[in-house]
Amino acid sequence: MLLRDGDRLGKLVDVYYDADSDDPVFLCVKPRLFSSRQLLVPADKVHETPAGLTVDWSEDDVRGAPTTKPGVGLSGVEELRVFRHYGMEFTLSTADNGRRLVRH
């Protein structure tokens, strides 16, 4: 995946979906070969270009965004943080556990 200026962001490795609608909400991107962290970027701000998948964000935008580790879900507080970081509206899910994001 690429940043909007064409610099490499990393490799798409996972997706968080909305627990109610099953729509993709955040993409998990591994930024470096030996990194154990994954950056979260909004799925609705990604588009396909001839160079590859590109996010409508700069490095400054994704810097400081909440991260996750492979196979580890986000806590309720972390879910709220990632929505707020990107200025996105957050509402609780109607699922029994109230969690908004799920991985498949």
PDB file of N, CA and C in Angstrom:
ATOM      1  N   MET A   1       0.840  -1.175   0.000  1.00  0.00           N
ATOM      2  CA  MET A   1       0.000   0.000   0.000  1.00  0.00           C
ATOM      3  C   MET A   1       0.886   1.239   0.000  1.00  0.00           C
ATOM      4  N   LEU A   2       0.335   2.286  -0.597  1.00  0.00           N
ATOM      5  CA  LEU A   2       1.085   3.526  -0.740  1.00  0.00           C
ATOM      6  C   LEU A   2       0.371   4.677  -0.041  1.00  0.00           C
ATOM      7  N   LEU A   3       1.145   5.669   0.371  1.00  0.00           N
ATOM      8  CA  LEU A   3       0.591   6.915   0.873  1.00  0.00           C
ATOM      9  C   LEU A   3       0.178   7.776  -0.312  1.00  0.00           C
ATOM     10  N   ARG A   4      -0.557   8.825  -0.078  1.00  0.00           N
ATOM     11  CA  ARG A   4      -1.048   9.642  -1.199  1.00  0.00           C
ATOM     12  C   ARG A   4       0.054  10.298  -2.005  1.00  0.00           C
ATOM     13  N   ASP A   5       1.251  10.478  -1.390  1.00  0.00           N
ATOM     14  CA  ASP A   5       2.367  11.073  -2.140  1.00  0.00           C
ATOM     15  C   ASP A   5       3.174  10.028  -2.908  1.00  0.00           C
ATOM     16  N   GLY A   6       2.738   8.753  -2.830  1.00  0.00           N
ATOM     17  CA  GLY A   6       3.409   7.679  -3.556  1.00  0.00           C
ATOM     18  C   GLY A   6       4.437   6.919  -2.748  1.00  0.00           C
ATOM     19  N   ASP A   7       4.773   7.414  -1.542  1.00  0.00           N
ATOM     20  CA  ASP A   7       5.710   6.671  -0.681  1.00  0.00           C
ATOM     21  C   ASP A   7       5.043   5.388  -0.189  1.00  0.00           C
ATOM     22  N   ARG A   8       5.862   4.383   0.050  1.00  0.00           N
ATOM     23  CA  ARG A   8       5.343   3.087   0.496  1.00  0.00           C
ATOM     24  C   ARG A   8       4.898   3.170   1.953  1.00  0.00           C
ATOM     25  N   LEU A   9       3.681   2.711   2.228  1.00  0.00           N
ATOM     26  CA  LEU A   9       3.169   2.627   3.591  1.00  0.00           C
ATOM     27  C   LEU A   9       3.449   1.254   4.171  1.00  0.00           C
ATOM     28  N   GLY A  10       3.196   0.204   3.414  1.00  0.00           N
ATOM     29  CA  GLY A  10       3.415  -1.154   3.902  1.00  0.00           C
ATOM     30  C   GLY A  10       2.541  -2.143   3.163  1.00  0.00           C
ATOM     31  N   LYS A  11       2.402  -3.321   3.752  1.00  0.00           N
ATOM     32  CA  LYS A  11       1.665  -4.422   3.127  1.00  0.00           C
ATOM     33  C   LYS A  11       0.328  -4.627   3.845  1.00  0.00           C
ATOM     34  N   LEU A  12      -0.750  -4.732   3.075  1.00  0.00           N
ATOM     35  CA  LEU A  12      -2.066  -5.027   3.629  1.00  0.00           C
ATOM     36  C   LEU A  12      -2.062  -6.446   4.182  1.00  0.00           C
ATOM     37  N   VAL A  13      -2.401  -6.602   5.471  1.00  0.00           N
ATOM     38  CA  VAL A  13      -2.348  -7.927   6.082  1.00  0.00           C
ATOM     39  C   VAL A  13      -3.662  -8.382   6.717  1.00  0.00           C
ATOM     40  N   ASP A  14      -4.593  -7.452   6.963  1.00  0.00           N
ATOM     41  CA  ASP A  14      -5.846  -7.844   7.606  1.00  0.00           C
ATOM     42  C   ASP A  14      -6.872  -6.733   7.446  1.00  0.00           C
ATOM     43  N   VAL A  15      -8.115  -7.033   7.801  1.00  0.00           N
ATOM     44  CA  VAL A  15      -9.211  -6.076   7.679  1.00  0.00           C
ATOM     45  C   VAL A  15     -10.093  -6.169   8.925  1.00  0.00           C
ATOM     46  N   TYR A  16     -10.503  -5.010   9.449  1.00  0.00           N
ATOM     47  CA  TYR A  16     -11.530  -4.942  10.480  1.00  0.00           C
ATOM     48  C   TYR A  16     -12.843  -4.565   9.804  1.00  0.00           C
ATOM     49  N   TYR A  17     -13.903  -5.302  10.126  1.00  0.00           N
ATOM     50  CA  TYR A  17     -15.222  -5.088   9.551  1.00  0.00           C
ATOM     51  C   TYR A  17     -16.175  -4.524  10.595  1.00  0.00           C
ATOM     52  N   ASP A  18     -17.200  -3.814  10.139  1.00  0.00           N
ATOM     53  CA  ASP A  18     -18.254  -3.337  11.021  1.00  0.00           C
ATOM     54  C   ASP A  18     -19.043  -4.552  11.498  1.00  0.00           C
ATOM     55  N   ALA A  19     -19.242  -4.677  12.803  1.00  0.00           N
ATOM     56  CA  ALA A  19     -19.913  -5.847  13.374  1.00  0.00           C
ATOM     57  C   ALA A  19     -21.366  -5.953  12.938  1.00  0.00           C
ATOM     58  N   ASP A  20     -21.993  -4.824  12.596  1.00  0.00           N
ATOM     59  CA  ASP A  20     -23.405  -4.848  12.199  1.00  0.00           C
ATOM     60  C   ASP A  20     -23.592  -5.025  10.698  1.00  0.00           C
ATOM     61  N   SER A  21     -22.854  -4.269   9.897  1.00  0.00           N
ATOM     62  CA  SER A  21     -23.063  -4.279   8.441  1.00  0.00           C
ATOM     63  C   SER A  21     -22.124  -5.213   7.687  1.00  0.00           C
ATOM     64  N   ASP A  22     -21.037  -5.627   8.319  1.00  0.00           N
ATOM     65  CA  ASP A  22     -19.999  -6.460   7.716  1.00  0.00           C
ATOM     66  C   ASP A  22     -19.218  -5.727   6.613  1.00  0.00           C
ATOM     67  N   ASP A  23     -19.323  -4.398   6.575  1.00  0.00           N
ATOM     68  CA  ASP A  23     -18.538  -3.598   5.634  1.00  0.00           C
ATOM     69  C   ASP A  23     -17.125  -3.407   6.177  1.00  0.00           C
ATOM     70  N   PRO A  24     -16.113  -3.361   5.309  1.00  0.00           N
ATOM     71  CA  PRO A  24     -14.752  -3.095   5.787  1.00  0.00           C
ATOM     72  C   PRO A  24     -14.667  -1.670   6.340  1.00  0.00           C
ATOM     73  N   VAL A  25     -14.034  -1.518   7.497  1.00  0.00           N
ATOM     74  CA  VAL A  25     -13.915  -0.200   8.134  1.00  0.00           C
ATOM     75  C   VAL A  25     -12.456   0.230   8.208  1.00  0.00           C
ATOM     76  N   PHE A  26     -11.577  -0.652   8.683  1.00  0.00           N
ATOM     77  CA  PHE A  26     -10.156  -0.334   8.789  1.00  0.00           C
ATOM     78  C   PHE A  26      -9.324  -1.451   8.179  1.00  0.00           C
ATOM     79  N   LEU A  27      -8.255  -1.045   7.513  1.00  0.00           N
ATOM     80  CA  LEU A  27      -7.291  -1.994   6.980  1.00  0.00           C
ATOM     81  C   LEU A  27      -6.079  -2.021   7.895  1.00  0.00           C
ATOM     82  N   CYS A  28      -5.545  -3.205   8.133  1.00  0.00           N
ATOM     83  CA  CYS A  28      -4.321  -3.373   8.921  1.00  0.00           C
ATOM     84  C   CYS A  28      -3.152  -3.447   7.950  1.00  0.00           C
ATOM     85  N   VAL A  29      -2.185  -2.575   8.133  1.00  0.00           N
ATOM     86  CA  VAL A  29      -1.042  -2.483   7.238  1.00  0.00           C
ATOM     87  C   VAL A  29       0.238  -2.698   8.040  1.00  0.00           C
ATOM     88  N   LYS A  30       1.038  -3.652   7.597  1.00  0.00           N
ATOM     89  CA  LYS A  30       2.333  -3.910   8.237  1.00  0.00           C
ATOM     90  C   LYS A  30       3.350  -2.972   7.595  1.00  0.00           C
ATOM     91  N   PRO A  31       3.899  -2.015   8.374  1.00  0.00           N
ATOM     92  CA  PRO A  31       4.735  -0.987   7.772  1.00  0.00           C
ATOM     93  C   PRO A  31       6.160  -1.403   7.414  1.00  0.00           C
ATOM     94  N   ARG A  32       6.736  -2.328   8.129  1.00  0.00           N
ATOM     95  CA  ARG A  32       8.124  -2.722   7.855  1.00  0.00           C
ATOM     96  C   ARG A  32       8.244  -4.237   7.919  1.00  0.00           C
ATOM     97  N   LEU A  33       9.255  -4.734   7.261  1.00  0.00           N
ATOM     98  CA  LEU A  33       9.465  -6.171   7.178  1.00  0.00           C
ATOM     99  C   LEU A  33       9.515  -6.835   8.553  1.00  0.00           C
ATOM    100  N   PHE A  34      10.201  -6.220   9.514  1.00  0.00           N
ATOM    101  CA  PHE A  34      10.394  -6.866  10.817  1.00  0.00           C
ATOM    102  C   PHE A  34       9.525  -6.259  11.914  1.00  0.00           C
ATOM    103  N   SER A  35       8.539  -5.472  11.534  1.00  0.00           N
ATOM    104  CA  SER A  35       7.660  -4.851  12.521  1.00  0.00           C
ATOM    105  C   SER A  35       6.629  -5.855  13.020  1.00  0.00           C
ATOM    106  N   SER A  36       6.337  -5.809  14.322  1.00  0.00           N
ATOM    107  CA  SER A  36       5.286  -6.661  14.872  1.00  0.00           C
ATOM    108  C   SER A  36       3.986  -5.875  15.021  1.00  0.00           C
ATOM    109  N   ARG A  37       4.007  -4.610  14.698  1.00  0.00           N
ATOM    110  CA  ARG A  37       2.827  -3.749  14.784  1.00  0.00           C
ATOM    111  C   ARG A  37       2.170  -3.597  13.419  1.00  0.00           C
ATOM    112  N   GLN A  38       0.880  -3.328  13.451  1.00  0.00           N
ATOM    113  CA  GLN A  38       0.130  -3.067  12.228  1.00  0.00           C
ATOM    114  C   GLN A  38      -0.577  -1.718  12.376  1.00  0.00           C
ATOM    115  N   LEU A  39      -0.427  -0.865  11.367  1.00  0.00           N
ATOM    116  CA  LEU A  39      -1.121   0.418  11.346  1.00  0.00           C
ATOM    117  C   LEU A  39      -2.563   0.198  10.922  1.00  0.00           C
ATOM    118  N   LEU A  40      -3.455   1.023  11.421  1.00  0.00           N
ATOM    119  CA  LEU A  40      -4.852   0.957  11.025  1.00  0.00           C
ATOM    120  C   LEU A  40      -5.173   2.176  10.176  1.00  0.00           C
ATOM    121  N   VAL A  41      -5.735   1.961   8.993  1.00  0.00           N
ATOM    122  CA  VAL A  41      -6.128   3.058   8.109  1.00  0.00           C
ATOM    123  C   VAL A  41      -7.573   2.833   7.660  1.00  0.00           C
ATOM    124  N   PRO A  42      -8.359   3.911   7.527  1.00  0.00           N
ATOM    125  CA  PRO A  42      -9.753   3.762   7.116  1.00  0.00           C
ATOM    126  C   PRO A  42      -9.886   3.153   5.720  1.00  0.00           C
ATOM    127  N   ALA A  43     -10.718   2.136   5.617  1.00  0.00           N
ATOM    128  CA  ALA A  43     -10.904   1.439   4.339  1.00  0.00           C
ATOM    129  C   ALA A  43     -11.564   2.325   3.300  1.00  0.00           C
ATOM    130  N   ASP A  44     -12.402   3.271   3.724  1.00  0.00           N
ATOM    131  CA  ASP A  44     -13.111   4.103   2.749  1.00  0.00           C
ATOM    132  C   ASP A  44     -12.225   5.177   2.132  1.00  0.00           C
ATOM    133  N   LYS A  45     -10.989   5.277   2.578  1.00  0.00           N
ATOM    134  CA  LYS A  45     -10.044   6.252   2.030  1.00  0.00           C
ATOM    135  C   LYS A  45      -8.943   5.567   1.228  1.00  0.00           C
ATOM    136  N   VAL A  46      -9.225   4.365   0.735  1.00  0.00           N
ATOM    137  CA  VAL A  46      -8.266   3.600  -0.063  1.00  0.00           C
ATOM    138  C   VAL A  46      -8.837   3.433  -1.472  1.00  0.00           C
ATOM    139  N   HIS A  47      -7.989   3.643  -2.455  1.00  0.00           N
ATOM    140  CA  HIS A  47      -8.418   3.441  -3.830  1.00  0.00           C
ATOM    141  C   HIS A  47      -7.296   2.784  -4.626  1.00  0.00           C
ATOM    142  N   GLU A  48      -7.682   2.178  -5.716  1.00  0.00           N
ATOM    143  CA  GLU A  48      -6.708   1.494  -6.563  1.00  0.00           C
ATOM    144  C   GLU A  48      -6.141   2.469  -7.585  1.00  0.00           C
ATOM    145  N   THR A  49      -4.829   2.477  -7.719  1.00  0.00           N
ATOM    146  CA  THR A  49      -4.135   3.290  -8.715  1.00  0.00           C
ATOM    147  C   THR A  49      -3.249   2.356  -9.528  1.00  0.00           C
ATOM    148  N   PRO A  50      -2.696   2.824 -10.639  1.00  0.00           N
ATOM    149  CA  PRO A  50      -1.779   1.963 -11.406  1.00  0.00           C
ATOM    150  C   PRO A  50      -0.583   1.472 -10.578  1.00  0.00           C
ATOM    151  N   ALA A  51      -0.199   2.251  -9.573  1.00  0.00           N
ATOM    152  CA  ALA A  51       0.937   1.862  -8.729  1.00  0.00           C
ATOM    153  C   ALA A  51       0.545   0.889  -7.627  1.00  0.00           C
ATOM    154  N   GLY A  52      -0.752   0.740  -7.351  1.00  0.00           N
ATOM    155  CA  GLY A  52      -1.212  -0.149  -6.296  1.00  0.00           C
ATOM    156  C   GLY A  52      -2.254   0.521  -5.420  1.00  0.00           C
ATOM    157  N   LEU A  53      -2.648  -0.137  -4.327  1.00  0.00           N
ATOM    158  CA  LEU A  53      -3.605   0.450  -3.403  1.00  0.00           C
ATOM    159  C   LEU A  53      -2.992   1.682  -2.751  1.00  0.00           C
ATOM    160  N   THR A  54      -3.749   2.779  -2.729  1.00  0.00           N
ATOM    161  CA  THR A  54      -3.246   4.039  -2.206  1.00  0.00           C
ATOM    162  C   THR A  54      -4.234   4.597  -1.187  1.00  0.00           C
ATOM    163  N   VAL A  55      -3.710   5.051  -0.050  1.00  0.00           N
ATOM    164  CA  VAL A  55      -4.544   5.667   0.981  1.00  0.00           C
ATOM    165  C   VAL A  55      -4.526   7.176   0.797  1.00  0.00           C
ATOM    166  N   ASP A  56      -5.638   7.816   1.103  1.00  0.00           N
ATOM    167  CA  ASP A  56      -5.740   9.272   0.981  1.00  0.00           C
ATOM    168  C   ASP A  56      -5.205   9.961   2.240  1.00  0.00           C
ATOM    169  N   TRP A  57      -4.068   9.506   2.704  1.00  0.00           N
ATOM    170  CA  TRP A  57      -3.477  10.059   3.920  1.00  0.00           C
ATOM    171  C   TRP A  57      -1.985  10.284   3.686  1.00  0.00           C
ATOM    172  N   SER A  58      -1.433  11.200   4.452  1.00  0.00           N
ATOM    173  CA  SER A  58       0.009  11.439   4.418  1.00  0.00           C
ATOM    174  C   SER A  58       0.659  10.649   5.548  1.00  0.00           C
ATOM    175  N   GLU A  59       1.982  10.643   5.558  1.00  0.00           N
ATOM    176  CA  GLU A  59       2.700   9.965   6.640  1.00  0.00           C
ATOM    177  C   GLU A  59       2.357  10.597   7.989  1.00  0.00           C
ATOM    178  N   ASP A  60       2.220  11.920   8.014  1.00  0.00           N
ATOM    179  CA  ASP A  60       1.849  12.600   9.259  1.00  0.00           C
ATOM    180  C   ASP A  60       0.470  12.170   9.748  1.00  0.00           C
ATOM    181  N   ASP A  61      -0.461  11.933   8.812  1.00  0.00           N
ATOM    182  CA  ASP A  61      -1.807  11.511   9.180  1.00  0.00           C
ATOM    183  C   ASP A  61      -1.808  10.146   9.862  1.00  0.00           C
ATOM    184  N   VAL A  62      -1.024   9.216   9.336  1.00  0.00           N
ATOM    185  CA  VAL A  62      -1.036   7.864   9.904  1.00  0.00           C
ATOM    186  C   VAL A  62      -0.086   7.723  11.090  1.00  0.00           C
ATOM    187  N   ARG A  63       0.875   8.628  11.196  1.00  0.00           N
ATOM    188  CA  ARG A  63       1.769   8.597  12.356  1.00  0.00           C
ATOM    189  C   ARG A  63       0.940   8.885  13.598  1.00  0.00           C
ATOM    190  N   GLY A  64       1.092   8.107  14.606  1.00  0.00           N
ATOM    191  CA  GLY A  64       0.328   8.287  15.836  1.00  0.00           C
ATOM    192  C   GLY A  64      -1.028   7.599  15.817  1.00  0.00           C
ATOM    193  N   ALA A  65      -1.386   7.006  14.682  1.00  0.00           N
ATOM    194  CA  ALA A  65      -2.647   6.259  14.632  1.00  0.00           C
ATOM    195  C   ALA A  65      -2.522   5.023  15.515  1.00  0.00           C
ATOM    196  N   PRO A  66      -3.608   4.594  16.101  1.00  0.00           N
ATOM    197  CA  PRO A  66      -3.557   3.363  16.888  1.00  0.00           C
ATOM    198  C   PRO A  66      -3.049   2.190  16.053  1.00  0.00           C
ATOM    199  N   THR A  67      -2.363   1.292  16.700  1.00  0.00           N
ATOM    200  CA  THR A  67      -1.821   0.104  16.037  1.00  0.00           C
ATOM    201  C   THR A  67      -2.377  -1.140  16.717  1.00  0.00           C
ATOM    202  N   THR A  68      -2.149  -2.258  16.083  1.00  0.00           N
ATOM    203  CA  THR A  68      -2.545  -3.541  16.651  1.00  0.00           C
ATOM    204  C   THR A  68      -1.445  -4.548  16.357  1.00  0.00           C
ATOM    205  N   LYS A  69      -1.508  -5.667  17.033  1.00  0.00           N
ATOM    206  CA  LYS A  69      -0.567  -6.759  16.767  1.00  0.00           C
ATOM    207  C   LYS A  69      -1.313  -7.861  16.039  1.00  0.00           C
ATOM    208  N   PRO A  70      -0.601  -8.648  15.227  1.00  0.00           N
ATOM    209  CA  PRO A  70      -1.263  -9.740  14.499  1.00  0.00           C
ATOM    210  C   PRO A  70      -2.019 -10.668  15.444  1.00  0.00           C
ATOM    211  N   GLY A  71      -3.266 -10.948  15.105  1.00  0.00           N
ATOM    212  CA  GLY A  71      -4.068 -11.881  15.877  1.00  0.00           C
ATOM    213  C   GLY A  71      -4.639 -11.335  17.172  1.00  0.00           C
ATOM    214  N   VAL A  72      -4.380 -10.069  17.487  1.00  0.00           N
ATOM    215  CA  VAL A  72      -4.874  -9.467  18.725  1.00  0.00           C
ATOM    216  C   VAL A  72      -5.934  -8.434  18.364  1.00  0.00           C
ATOM    217  N   GLY A  73      -7.129  -8.596  18.897  1.00  0.00           N
ATOM    218  CA  GLY A  73      -8.204  -7.659  18.615  1.00  0.00           C
ATOM    219  C   GLY A  73      -8.042  -6.356  19.371  1.00  0.00           C
ATOM    220  N   LEU A  74      -8.811  -5.368  18.966  1.00  0.00           N
ATOM    221  CA  LEU A  74      -8.788  -4.077  19.631  1.00  0.00           C
ATOM    222  C   LEU A  74      -9.727  -4.093  20.833  1.00  0.00           C
ATOM    223  N   SER A  75      -9.332  -3.409  21.893  1.00  0.00           N
ATOM    224  CA  SER A  75     -10.225  -3.228  23.035  1.00  0.00           C
ATOM    225  C   SER A  75     -11.253  -2.163  22.664  1.00  0.00           C
ATOM    226  N   GLY A  76     -12.294  -2.018  23.465  1.00  0.00           N
ATOM    227  CA  GLY A  76     -13.292  -0.990  23.220  1.00  0.00           C
ATOM    228  C   GLY A  76     -12.681   0.406  23.215  1.00  0.00           C
ATOM    229  N   VAL A  77     -11.732   0.657  24.110  1.00  0.00           N
ATOM    230  CA  VAL A  77     -11.055   1.956  24.178  1.00  0.00           C
ATOM    231  C   VAL A  77     -10.216   2.183  22.917  1.00  0.00           C
ATOM    232  N   GLU A  78      -9.538   1.138  22.438  1.00  0.00           N
ATOM    233  CA  GLU A  78      -8.728   1.259  21.222  1.00  0.00           C
ATOM    234  C   GLU A  78      -9.608   1.506  19.995  1.00  0.00           C
ATOM    235  N   GLU A  79     -10.782   0.862  19.952  1.00  0.00           N
ATOM    236  CA  GLU A  79     -11.712   1.118  18.856  1.00  0.00           C
ATOM    237  C   GLU A  79     -12.075   2.597  18.817  1.00  0.00           C
ATOM    238  N   LEU A  80     -12.451   3.132  19.953  1.00  0.00           N
ATOM    239  CA  LEU A  80     -12.820   4.545  20.042  1.00  0.00           C
ATOM    240  C   LEU A  80     -11.660   5.444  19.603  1.00  0.00           C
ATOM    241  N   ARG A  81     -10.441   5.119  20.056  1.00  0.00           N
ATOM    242  CA  ARG A  81      -9.253   5.912  19.696  1.00  0.00           C
ATOM    243  C   ARG A  81      -9.016   5.966  18.194  1.00  0.00           C
ATOM    244  N   VAL A  82      -9.137   4.831  17.514  1.00  0.00           N
ATOM    245  CA  VAL A  82      -8.858   4.821  16.075  1.00  0.00           C
ATOM    246  C   VAL A  82      -9.919   5.616  15.312  1.00  0.00           C
ATOM    247  N   PHE A  83     -11.178   5.528  15.711  1.00  0.00           N
ATOM    248  CA  PHE A  83     -12.214   6.333  15.075  1.00  0.00           C
ATOM    249  C   PHE A  83     -11.937   7.821  15.290  1.00  0.00           C
ATOM    250  N   ARG A  84     -11.610   8.190  16.511  1.00  0.00           N
ATOM    251  CA  ARG A  84     -11.336   9.607  16.818  1.00  0.00           C
ATOM    252  C   ARG A  84     -10.098  10.115  16.095  1.00  0.00           C
ATOM    253  N   HIS A  85      -9.065   9.282  16.005  1.00  0.00           N
ATOM    254  CA  HIS A  85      -7.823   9.703  15.342  1.00  0.00           C
ATOM    255  C   HIS A  85      -8.101  10.176  13.920  1.00  0.00           C
ATOM    256  N   TYR A  86      -8.973   9.473  13.218  1.00  0.00           N
ATOM    257  CA  TYR A  86      -9.273   9.809  11.836  1.00  0.00           C
ATOM    258  C   TYR A  86     -10.523  10.692  11.687  1.00  0.00           C
ATOM    259  N   GLY A  87     -11.067  11.184  12.805  1.00  0.00           N
ATOM    260  CA  GLY A  87     -12.229  12.069  12.744  1.00  0.00           C
ATOM    261  C   GLY A  87     -13.491  11.384  12.266  1.00  0.00           C
ATOM    262  N   MET A  88     -13.616  10.099  12.568  1.00  0.00           N
ATOM    263  CA  MET A  88     -14.769   9.318  12.129  1.00  0.00           C
ATOM    264  C   MET A  88     -15.776   9.182  13.268  1.00  0.00           C
ATOM    265  N   GLU A  89     -17.044   9.124  12.914  1.00  0.00           N
ATOM    266  CA  GLU A  89     -18.099   8.960  13.913  1.00  0.00           C
ATOM    267  C   GLU A  89     -18.044   7.555  14.503  1.00  0.00           C
ATOM    268  N   PHE A  90     -18.181   7.465  15.821  1.00  0.00           N
ATOM    269  CA  PHE A  90     -18.167   6.175  16.507  1.00  0.00           C
ATOM    270  C   PHE A  90     -19.508   5.952  17.178  1.00  0.00           C
ATOM    271  N   THR A  91     -20.126   4.816  16.903  1.00  0.00           N
ATOM    272  CA  THR A  91     -21.341   4.401  17.596  1.00  0.00           C
ATOM    273  C   THR A  91     -21.148   2.961  18.042  1.00  0.00           C
ATOM    274  N   LEU A  92     -21.770   2.614  19.152  1.00  0.00           N
ATOM    275  CA  LEU A  92     -21.678   1.240  19.632  1.00  0.00           C
ATOM    276  C   LEU A  92     -22.447   0.316  18.708  1.00  0.00           C
ATOM    277  N   SER A  93     -21.978  -0.894  18.622  1.00  0.00           N
ATOM    278  CA  SER A  93     -22.617  -1.913  17.804  1.00  0.00           C
ATOM    279  C   SER A  93     -23.860  -2.432  18.509  1.00  0.00           C
ATOM    280  N   THR A  94     -24.765  -3.010  17.745  1.00  0.00           N
ATOM    281  CA  THR A  94     -25.927  -3.675  18.336  1.00  0.00           C
ATOM    282  C   THR A  94     -25.603  -5.121  18.715  1.00  0.00           C
ATOM    283  N   ALA A  95     -24.373  -5.561  18.436  1.00  0.00           N
ATOM    284  CA  ALA A  95     -23.948  -6.923  18.817  1.00  0.00           C
ATOM    285  C   ALA A  95     -23.997  -7.052  20.340  1.00  0.00           C
ATOM    286  N   ASP A  96     -24.126  -8.269  20.819  1.00  0.00           N
ATOM    287  CA  ASP A  96     -24.249  -8.522  22.256  1.00  0.00           C
ATOM    288  C   ASP A  96     -23.115  -7.916  23.073  1.00  0.00           C
ATOM    289  N   ASN A  97     -21.907  -7.945  22.530  1.00  0.00           N
ATOM    290  CA  ASN A  97     -20.762  -7.438  23.288  1.00  0.00           C
ATOM    291  C   ASN A  97     -20.538  -5.936  23.073  1.00  0.00           C
ATOM    292  N   GLY A  98     -21.323  -5.308  22.211  1.00  0.00           N
ATOM    293  CA  GLY A  98     -21.198  -3.870  21.969  1.00  0.00           C
ATOM    294  C   GLY A  98     -20.003  -3.465  21.129  1.00  0.00           C
ATOM    295  N   ARG A  99     -19.204  -4.433  20.703  1.00  0.00           N
ATOM    296  CA  ARG A  99     -17.999  -4.129  19.924  1.00  0.00           C
ATOM    297  C   ARG A  99     -18.376  -3.722  18.518  1.00  0.00           C
ATOM    298  N   ARG A 100     -17.712  -2.719  18.002  1.00  0.00           N
ATOM    299  CA  ARG A 100     -18.010  -2.178  16.684  1.00  0.00           C
ATOM    300  C   ARG A 100     -17.220  -2.890  15.586  1.00  0.00           C
ATOM    301  N   LEU A 101     -15.999  -3.339  15.877  1.00  0.00           N
ATOM    302  CA  LEU A 101     -15.117  -3.898  14.863  1.00  0.00           C
ATOM    303  C   LEU A 101     -14.858  -5.388  15.098  1.00  0.00           C
ATOM    304  N   VAL A 102     -14.848  -6.140  13.998  1.00  0.00           N
ATOM    305  CA  VAL A 102     -14.527  -7.569  14.075  1.00  0.00           C
ATOM    306  C   VAL A 102     -13.590  -7.936  12.930  1.00  0.00           C
ATOM    307  N   ARG A 103     -12.808  -8.975  13.144  1.00  0.00           N
ATOM    308  CA  ARG A 103     -11.987  -9.562  12.087  1.00  0.00           C
ATOM    309  C   ARG A 103     -12.620 -10.872  11.689  1.00  0.00           C
ATOM    310  N   HIS A 104     -12.448 -11.260  10.434  1.00  0.00           N
ATOM    311  CA  HIS A 104     -12.963 -12.564   9.966  1.00  0.00           C
ATOM    312  C   HIS A 104     -11.835 -13.534   9.820  1.00  0.00           C
TER     313      HIS A 104
END
